[in-house]
Amino acid sequence: MKKLIPILSAIYIISPIDLIPDVIPVLGWIDDVVALVIGVSAMLKKTEK
């Protein structure tokens, strides 16, 4: 499961389908940033062990 989180967050960032569309200037980018932070933190936790 921990391997899956960074992969899913990368797919979400690349995917044109978002919870909040990127057409909305700031709010559209926030969900991408949150997905990026979740993916990076999961990857860092995995590599620390």
C-alpha atoms as a PDB file:
ATOM      1  CA  MET A   1       0.000   0.000   0.000  1.00  0.00           C
ATOM      2  CA  LYS A   2       2.818   2.431   0.792  1.00  0.00           C
ATOM      3  CA  LYS A   3       4.301   1.860  -2.659  1.00  0.00           C
ATOM      4  CA  LEU A   4       0.963   2.657  -4.218  1.00  0.00           C
ATOM      5  CA  ILE A   5       0.508   6.133  -2.677  1.00  0.00           C
ATOM      6  CA  PRO A   6       3.379   7.885  -4.540  1.00  0.00           C
ATOM      7  CA  ILE A   7       2.326   6.237  -7.798  1.00  0.00           C
ATOM      8  CA  LEU A   8      -1.299   7.270  -7.397  1.00  0.00           C
ATOM      9  CA  SER A   9      -0.370  10.833  -6.503  1.00  0.00           C
ATOM     10  CA  ALA A  10       1.837  11.092  -9.609  1.00  0.00           C
ATOM     11  CA  ILE A  11      -0.989   9.762 -11.766  1.00  0.00           C
ATOM     12  CA  TYR A  12      -3.397  12.271 -10.201  1.00  0.00           C
ATOM     13  CA  ILE A  13      -1.058  15.185 -10.909  1.00  0.00           C
ATOM     14  CA  ILE A  14      -0.532  14.115 -14.535  1.00  0.00           C
ATOM     15  CA  SER A  15      -4.194  13.268 -15.140  1.00  0.00           C
ATOM     16  CA  PRO A  16      -6.366  15.930 -16.774  1.00  0.00           C
ATOM     17  CA  ILE A  17      -9.226  14.930 -14.435  1.00  0.00           C
ATOM     18  CA  ASP A  18      -9.065  16.763 -11.081  1.00  0.00           C
ATOM     19  CA  LEU A  19     -11.388  17.274  -8.139  1.00  0.00           C
ATOM     20  CA  ILE A  20     -11.038  21.015  -8.668  1.00  0.00           C
ATOM     21  CA  PRO A  21     -10.383  21.971 -12.318  1.00  0.00           C
ATOM     22  CA  ASP A  22      -7.127  23.789 -13.066  1.00  0.00           C
ATOM     23  CA  VAL A  23      -9.135  26.464 -14.862  1.00  0.00           C
ATOM     24  CA  ILE A  24      -9.911  27.967 -11.438  1.00  0.00           C
ATOM     25  CA  PRO A  25      -6.661  29.916 -10.880  1.00  0.00           C
ATOM     26  CA  VAL A  26      -5.502  29.181  -7.325  1.00  0.00           C
ATOM     27  CA  LEU A  27      -7.887  26.500  -6.097  1.00  0.00           C
ATOM     28  CA  GLY A  28      -7.212  24.315  -9.123  1.00  0.00           C
ATOM     29  CA  TRP A  29      -3.503  24.177  -8.314  1.00  0.00           C
ATOM     30  CA  ILE A  30      -3.945  23.560  -4.590  1.00  0.00           C
ATOM     31  CA  ASP A  31      -5.282  20.030  -5.060  1.00  0.00           C
ATOM     32  CA  ASP A  32      -2.274  19.211  -7.263  1.00  0.00           C
ATOM     33  CA  VAL A  33       0.103  20.573  -4.621  1.00  0.00           C
ATOM     34  CA  VAL A  34      -1.631  18.556  -1.894  1.00  0.00           C
ATOM     35  CA  ALA A  35      -1.322  15.386  -3.993  1.00  0.00           C
ATOM     36  CA  LEU A  36       2.358  16.170  -4.573  1.00  0.00           C
ATOM     37  CA  VAL A  37       3.019  16.693  -0.856  1.00  0.00           C
ATOM     38  CA  ILE A  38       1.253  13.449   0.058  1.00  0.00           C
ATOM     39  CA  GLY A  39       3.198  11.523  -2.571  1.00  0.00           C
ATOM     40  CA  VAL A  40       6.577  12.972  -1.606  1.00  0.00           C
ATOM     41  CA  SER A  41       6.013  12.459   2.116  1.00  0.00           C
ATOM     42  CA  ALA A  42       4.961   8.838   1.531  1.00  0.00           C
ATOM     43  CA  MET A  43       8.057   8.269  -0.599  1.00  0.00           C
ATOM     44  CA  LEU A  44      10.331   9.843   2.023  1.00  0.00           C
ATOM     45  CA  LYS A  45       8.823   7.717   4.792  1.00  0.00           C
ATOM     46  CA  LYS A  46       9.382   4.644   2.657  1.00  0.00           C
ATOM     47  CA  THR A  47      13.041   5.480   1.961  1.00  0.00           C
ATOM     48  CA  GLU A  48      13.863   6.294   5.601  1.00  0.00           C
ATOM     49  CA  LYS A  49      13.434   2.673   6.642  1.00  0.00           C
END
